Amino acid sequence: MNELNVDKSVEEPARAFRLEQFQDYLIFERGLSKRTLSAYQHDLENCIEFLARQDITDPGHVTPTVLRTWIFSLHEVGLAPSSIRRAQSAVRTFFRFLLAEGWLSVDPTERLESPKITDRLPEFLTKEETQRLLDAPNPQKSLYWRDRSILELLYASGIRVSELVGLLISGLDLDDSFITVFGKGGKERIVPVGVPALLTLRRYLSELRPKLDQAEGKGHVYLNARGRPLTRESVWKLVRDSGRRADINKKVSPHTLRHTFATHLLEGGADLAAVQELLGHVDISSTQIYTHVDREYLRQIHGKYHPRAQSTQYVSD
């Protein structure tokens, strides 16, 4: 079972703040993943430690002013706006839980403002860069078909790295070109896969995986050289190294391929709701970050398809 293992320094305040009950809520009602639980743990410990330094050990004594001071302290230590927003989200969820359970009468986070995130758009690859990345693995290396298959599948499906390393043989339906993955909160999602990714996956499964599997693969599709399930860190390293080998002057990660997948779909005319479904986003607002299609591209589309885009005639009064 996933747990919020509270640090000893905040153990006493944790009991007063009912963190154990909150942990049960996150696990059994929200069904959050181990990674998300860990993030909640980190953010709540940070906040409770700050409150303890202000001699606040009861959630009923927390005020919006105190929380704003805490947020300002996160700014001062140089935490990124996105990380501050995540911390605020965790604390906001926590206090709303206390309110819903009747352990609090006023929500101190109700008017808490989130820091504005700068216009830093998700990094994505052009189609030419993507092809170079896919071609980056060395065919002379023993793990070539595994590495090529991983890159192809990440780009073809837009799945998260956690979903890729968790992919099971039982989740493959290669005849119908689908895979089944488990996303955030253990939610099952069926994802279509294109021909190039299917071909490399079949090649890996038939030629390489049987040689790698030494009864320790646990049914996972992708294995390391010792026959064990591949880790997230290994996939990150593979993608990063492939980006360098492809001479791509951008930070390339598995998430870059997820951004690229969504961007290329939208550029090709895909509906935002369809992209939301493919990415496994519960809220379409999470998908809207991918609508960062280049302005020049939009201008070209407008100029090509709008009947009045090139017109020099104006309607007279």
Protein backbone atom coordinates (compact mmCIF):
# COMPACT_ATOMS: atom_id res chain seq x y z
CA MET A 1 0.00 0.00 0.00
CA ASN A 2 1.22 3.50 -0.81
CA GLU A 3 1.74 5.63 2.25
CA LEU A 4 2.50 9.19 3.24
CA ASN A 5 5.47 8.41 5.49
CA VAL A 6 5.58 11.53 7.59
CA ASP A 7 8.99 12.75 8.73
CA LYS A 8 9.72 12.51 12.47
CA SER A 9 10.14 16.29 12.72
CA VAL A 10 6.49 16.78 11.79
CA GLU A 11 5.08 13.64 13.43
CA GLU A 12 3.29 15.46 16.26
CA PRO A 13 1.79 18.20 14.07
CA ALA A 14 0.85 15.48 11.57
CA ARG A 15 -1.45 13.88 14.12
CA ALA A 16 -3.05 17.23 14.90
CA PHE A 17 -3.49 17.89 11.20
CA ARG A 18 -5.03 14.40 10.69
CA LEU A 19 -2.59 13.42 7.96
CA GLU A 20 -3.25 9.73 8.47
CA GLN A 21 -6.94 10.20 7.65
CA PHE A 22 -5.99 12.37 4.69
CA GLN A 23 -3.66 9.60 3.49
CA ASP A 24 -6.54 7.10 3.57
CA TYR A 25 -8.68 9.53 1.59
CA LEU A 26 -6.00 9.91 -1.11
CA ILE A 27 -5.45 6.16 -1.41
CA PHE A 28 -8.95 4.74 -1.13
CA GLU A 29 -11.16 7.54 -2.47
CA ARG A 30 -8.91 9.39 -4.87
CA GLY A 31 -6.86 6.34 -5.92
CA LEU A 32 -3.69 8.39 -6.37
CA SER A 33 -0.48 6.85 -7.65
CA LYS A 34 2.62 6.31 -5.51
CA ARG A 35 4.36 9.17 -7.27
CA THR A 36 1.50 11.61 -6.58
CA LEU A 37 1.30 10.50 -2.95
CA SER A 38 5.01 11.20 -2.62
CA ALA A 39 4.49 14.71 -4.05
CA TYR A 40 1.66 15.36 -1.57
CA GLN A 41 3.90 14.14 1.25
CA HIS A 42 6.72 16.48 0.28
CA ASP A 43 4.49 19.53 -0.13
CA LEU A 44 2.46 18.98 3.04
CA GLU A 45 5.57 18.32 5.14
CA ASN A 46 7.06 21.56 3.82
CA CYS A 47 3.92 23.49 4.74
CA ILE A 48 3.52 21.89 8.19
CA GLU A 49 7.18 22.53 9.03
CA PHE A 50 6.70 26.19 8.06
CA LEU A 51 3.55 26.44 10.21
CA ALA A 52 5.37 24.84 13.14
CA ARG A 53 8.03 27.55 12.92
CA GLN A 54 5.18 30.05 13.27
CA ASP A 55 3.98 28.13 16.39
CA ILE A 56 0.90 26.90 14.51
CA THR A 57 0.20 23.25 15.27
CA ASP A 58 -3.57 23.21 14.73
CA PRO A 59 -5.22 23.50 11.29
CA GLY A 60 -7.93 25.67 12.80
CA HIS A 61 -5.34 28.37 13.48
CA VAL A 62 -4.12 28.57 9.89
CA THR A 63 -5.05 31.81 8.13
CA PRO A 64 -4.84 32.98 4.51
CA THR A 65 -2.17 35.47 5.57
CA VAL A 66 0.03 32.72 6.98
CA LEU A 67 -0.37 30.62 3.85
CA ARG A 68 0.50 33.59 1.65
CA THR A 69 3.67 34.04 3.71
CA TRP A 70 4.47 30.36 3.16
CA ILE A 71 4.01 30.78 -0.60
CA PHE A 72 6.27 33.84 -0.56
CA SER A 73 8.93 31.74 1.20
CA LEU A 74 8.75 29.23 -1.66
CA HIS A 75 9.36 32.09 -4.10
CA GLU A 76 12.33 33.24 -2.04
CA VAL A 77 14.10 29.88 -2.23
CA GLY A 78 13.72 29.95 -6.02
CA LEU A 79 11.06 27.26 -6.44
CA ALA A 80 9.61 27.22 -9.97
CA PRO A 81 6.08 28.64 -10.38
CA SER A 82 4.84 25.24 -11.56
CA SER A 83 6.21 23.59 -8.38
CA ILE A 84 4.58 26.30 -6.23
CA ARG A 85 1.27 25.68 -7.97
CA ARG A 86 1.61 21.97 -7.28
CA ALA A 87 2.31 22.65 -3.60
CA GLN A 88 -0.69 24.95 -3.39
CA SER A 89 -2.86 22.32 -5.03
CA ALA A 90 -1.82 19.74 -2.43
CA VAL A 91 -2.49 22.10 0.48
CA ARG A 92 -5.80 23.25 -1.02
CA THR A 93 -6.93 19.62 -1.43
CA PHE A 94 -5.90 18.92 2.17
CA PHE A 95 -7.86 21.80 3.71
CA ARG A 96 -10.92 21.05 1.60
CA PHE A 97 -10.75 17.48 2.91
CA LEU A 98 -10.70 18.75 6.51
CA LEU A 99 -13.65 21.04 5.74
CA ALA A 100 -15.67 18.25 4.11
CA GLU A 101 -15.04 15.95 7.09
CA GLY A 102 -16.24 18.61 9.54
CA TRP A 103 -12.86 19.06 11.20
CA LEU A 104 -12.61 22.64 9.97
CA SER A 105 -15.22 25.38 9.69
CA VAL A 106 -13.35 27.81 7.42
CA ASP A 107 -11.10 27.05 4.44
CA PRO A 108 -7.97 29.25 4.63
CA THR A 109 -7.08 28.42 1.00
CA GLU A 110 -10.35 29.76 -0.44
CA ARG A 111 -8.86 33.04 -1.67
CA LEU A 112 -5.32 31.84 -2.11
CA GLU A 113 -3.97 33.00 -5.45
CA SER A 114 -1.68 30.83 -7.56
CA PRO A 115 1.53 32.31 -8.99
CA LYS A 116 1.40 33.12 -12.66
CA ILE A 117 3.41 30.74 -14.79
CA THR A 118 5.52 32.34 -17.46
CA ASP A 119 4.77 31.71 -21.11
CA ARG A 120 7.22 28.81 -21.23
CA LEU A 121 5.63 26.44 -23.68
CA PRO A 122 6.23 22.69 -23.69
CA GLU A 123 9.23 21.69 -25.77
CA PHE A 124 8.35 19.64 -28.82
CA LEU A 125 10.15 18.36 -31.89
CA THR A 126 9.60 19.17 -35.52
CA LYS A 127 8.76 16.26 -37.80
CA GLU A 128 12.31 16.29 -39.15
CA GLU A 129 13.79 16.27 -35.64
CA THR A 130 11.44 13.46 -34.65
CA GLN A 131 12.64 11.30 -37.55
CA ARG A 132 16.25 11.92 -36.59
CA LEU A 133 15.50 10.90 -33.03
CA LEU A 134 13.77 7.69 -34.13
CA ASP A 135 16.77 6.86 -36.33
CA ALA A 136 19.28 7.57 -33.55
CA PRO A 137 19.70 4.05 -32.03
CA ASN A 138 22.71 2.17 -33.41
CA PRO A 139 21.61 -0.92 -35.43
CA GLN A 140 24.90 -2.61 -34.48
CA LYS A 141 24.03 -2.58 -30.78
CA SER A 142 22.44 -5.67 -29.19
CA LEU A 143 19.54 -3.67 -27.72
CA TYR A 144 18.77 -1.84 -30.95
CA TRP A 145 15.25 -3.21 -31.49
CA ARG A 146 14.26 -2.51 -27.91
CA ASP A 147 15.53 1.05 -28.03
CA ARG A 148 14.01 1.76 -31.44
CA SER A 149 10.71 0.25 -30.31
CA ILE A 150 10.60 2.44 -27.19
CA LEU A 151 11.17 5.64 -29.17
CA GLU A 152 8.63 4.65 -31.82
CA LEU A 153 5.99 3.74 -29.25
CA LEU A 154 6.42 6.91 -27.18
CA TYR A 155 5.95 9.04 -30.26
CA ALA A 156 3.18 6.89 -31.78
CA SER A 157 1.03 6.74 -28.66
CA GLY A 158 1.87 9.76 -26.48
CA ILE A 159 1.90 7.54 -23.39
CA ARG A 160 3.69 8.60 -20.23
CA VAL A 161 7.04 7.03 -19.34
CA SER A 162 5.41 5.40 -16.29
CA GLU A 163 2.82 3.85 -18.59
CA LEU A 164 5.52 2.57 -20.91
CA VAL A 165 7.58 0.85 -18.21
CA GLY A 166 4.37 -0.59 -16.74
CA LEU A 167 3.19 -1.97 -20.09
CA LEU A 168 2.49 -5.70 -19.90
CA ILE A 169 2.51 -8.40 -22.56
CA SER A 170 -1.12 -9.04 -21.64
CA GLY A 171 -1.87 -5.41 -22.53
CA LEU A 172 -0.84 -5.83 -26.17
CA ASP A 173 -3.38 -6.33 -28.94
CA LEU A 174 -1.10 -6.13 -31.95
CA ASP A 175 -3.61 -7.63 -34.36
CA ASP A 176 -6.00 -4.74 -33.78
CA SER A 177 -3.18 -2.19 -33.24
CA PHE A 178 -4.03 -1.30 -29.64
CA ILE A 179 -2.23 -1.35 -26.31
CA THR A 180 -3.73 -1.11 -22.83
CA VAL A 181 -1.93 1.10 -20.32
CA PHE A 182 -2.64 2.17 -16.76
CA GLY A 183 -2.38 5.89 -16.20
CA LYS A 184 -2.60 8.14 -13.16
CA GLY A 185 -4.60 6.63 -10.34
CA GLY A 186 -4.40 3.22 -12.02
CA LYS A 187 -6.97 4.20 -14.65
CA GLU A 188 -7.03 1.87 -17.63
CA ARG A 189 -6.74 3.37 -21.09
CA ILE A 190 -6.74 1.76 -24.54
CA VAL A 191 -4.41 3.52 -26.99
CA PRO A 192 -4.11 2.98 -30.76
CA VAL A 193 -0.64 2.44 -32.24
CA GLY A 194 0.54 3.09 -35.81
CA VAL A 195 2.26 0.73 -38.21
CA PRO A 196 5.94 1.76 -37.72
CA ALA A 197 5.66 1.36 -33.95
CA LEU A 198 3.90 -1.98 -34.35
CA LEU A 199 6.57 -3.30 -36.71
CA THR A 200 9.45 -2.41 -34.39
CA LEU A 201 7.53 -3.75 -31.39
CA ARG A 202 6.92 -7.07 -33.15
CA ARG A 203 10.58 -7.28 -34.10
CA TYR A 204 11.66 -6.63 -30.51
CA LEU A 205 9.19 -9.19 -29.13
CA SER A 206 10.19 -11.90 -31.55
CA GLU A 207 13.96 -11.41 -31.79
CA LEU A 208 15.21 -9.76 -28.62
CA ARG A 209 12.86 -10.04 -25.67
CA PRO A 210 13.00 -13.90 -25.50
CA LYS A 211 16.78 -13.62 -25.14
CA LEU A 212 16.48 -11.00 -22.38
CA ASP A 213 13.78 -12.66 -20.32
CA GLN A 214 15.32 -14.87 -17.63
CA ALA A 215 12.08 -15.48 -15.72
CA GLU A 216 12.40 -12.09 -14.00
CA GLY A 217 10.49 -10.01 -16.54
CA LYS A 218 7.22 -10.28 -14.58
CA GLY A 219 5.24 -10.02 -17.80
CA HIS A 220 6.55 -6.54 -18.64
CA VAL A 221 7.12 -5.71 -22.29
CA TYR A 222 10.36 -3.78 -21.95
CA LEU A 223 13.29 -5.36 -20.12
CA ASN A 224 16.83 -4.29 -19.35
CA ALA A 225 19.99 -6.21 -20.28
CA ARG A 226 19.60 -8.33 -17.12
CA GLY A 227 16.07 -9.36 -18.02
CA ARG A 228 14.32 -7.21 -15.45
CA PRO A 229 11.57 -4.64 -16.07
CA LEU A 230 12.99 -1.39 -17.40
CA THR A 231 12.92 1.62 -15.04
CA ARG A 232 11.71 5.14 -15.75
CA GLU A 233 15.24 6.42 -15.25
CA SER A 234 16.58 4.04 -17.93
CA VAL A 235 14.01 5.26 -20.44
CA TRP A 236 14.80 8.90 -19.66
CA LYS A 237 18.49 8.18 -20.26
CA LEU A 238 17.75 6.36 -23.53
CA VAL A 239 15.67 9.24 -24.90
CA ARG A 240 18.13 11.90 -23.71
CA ASP A 241 21.12 10.08 -25.22
CA SER A 242 19.23 9.52 -28.47
CA GLY A 243 18.50 13.24 -28.66
CA ARG A 244 22.19 14.00 -28.32
CA ARG A 245 23.09 11.39 -30.92
CA ALA A 246 20.53 12.93 -33.27
CA ASP A 247 22.18 16.33 -32.73
CA ILE A 248 18.93 17.91 -31.53
CA ASN A 249 19.62 21.20 -29.76
CA LYS A 250 16.73 20.85 -27.34
CA LYS A 251 16.21 19.05 -24.06
CA VAL A 252 14.74 15.76 -25.19
CA SER A 253 12.87 13.52 -22.74
CA PRO A 254 9.99 11.04 -22.84
CA HIS A 255 7.69 13.95 -22.02
CA THR A 256 9.05 15.81 -25.05
CA LEU A 257 7.76 12.96 -27.21
CA ARG A 258 4.38 13.19 -25.45
CA HIS A 259 4.27 16.92 -26.25
CA THR A 260 5.34 16.17 -29.81
CA PHE A 261 2.65 13.51 -30.22
CA ALA A 262 -0.08 15.95 -29.14
CA THR A 263 1.31 18.86 -31.15
CA HIS A 264 1.57 16.90 -34.39
CA LEU A 265 -1.98 15.60 -33.95
CA LEU A 266 -3.32 19.12 -33.48
CA GLU A 267 -1.30 20.45 -36.41
CA GLY A 268 -2.80 17.66 -38.50
CA GLY A 269 -6.31 18.81 -37.62
CA ALA A 270 -7.19 16.53 -34.70
CA ASP A 271 -9.99 17.59 -32.37
CA LEU A 272 -8.86 18.74 -28.91
CA ALA A 273 -11.30 16.37 -27.19
CA ALA A 274 -9.86 13.43 -29.14
CA VAL A 275 -6.32 14.41 -28.09
CA GLN A 276 -7.55 14.64 -24.49
CA GLU A 277 -8.83 11.07 -24.72
CA LEU A 278 -5.60 9.80 -26.27
CA LEU A 279 -3.45 11.48 -23.61
CA GLY A 280 -5.62 10.21 -20.77
CA HIS A 281 -6.42 13.66 -19.36
CA VAL A 282 -9.43 13.78 -17.06
CA ASP A 283 -9.88 17.53 -17.57
CA ILE A 284 -9.62 19.11 -21.02
CA SER A 285 -7.91 22.13 -19.43
CA SER A 286 -4.86 19.88 -19.01
CA THR A 287 -4.88 19.26 -22.76
CA GLN A 288 -5.12 22.93 -23.69
CA ILE A 289 -1.44 23.42 -22.89
CA TYR A 290 -0.75 21.53 -26.10
CA THR A 291 -2.51 24.09 -28.26
CA HIS A 292 0.75 25.98 -28.65
CA VAL A 293 0.86 25.47 -32.40
CA ASP A 294 3.29 27.88 -34.02
CA ARG A 295 1.71 31.23 -34.92
CA GLU A 296 3.25 31.14 -38.36
CA TYR A 297 1.66 27.73 -38.93
CA LEU A 298 -1.73 29.14 -37.91
CA ARG A 299 -1.17 32.10 -40.22
CA GLN A 300 -0.42 29.74 -43.11
CA ILE A 301 -3.55 27.69 -42.43
CA HIS A 302 -5.68 30.83 -42.24
CA GLY A 303 -4.18 32.18 -45.44
CA LYS A 304 -4.73 28.92 -47.27
CA TYR A 305 -8.27 28.09 -46.23
CA HIS A 306 -10.12 31.28 -45.24
CA PRO A 307 -11.94 32.80 -48.24
CA ARG A 308 -11.23 36.38 -47.18
CA ALA A 309 -7.65 35.90 -45.97
CA GLN A 310 -6.09 37.25 -49.19
CA SER A 311 -8.85 39.67 -50.06
CA THR A 312 -8.00 43.37 -50.47
CA GLN A 313 -11.62 44.43 -50.75
CA TYR A 314 -13.26 46.14 -47.82
CA VAL A 315 -16.92 46.54 -47.05
CA SER A 316 -17.90 50.17 -47.55
CA ASP A 317 -20.08 52.00 -45.10
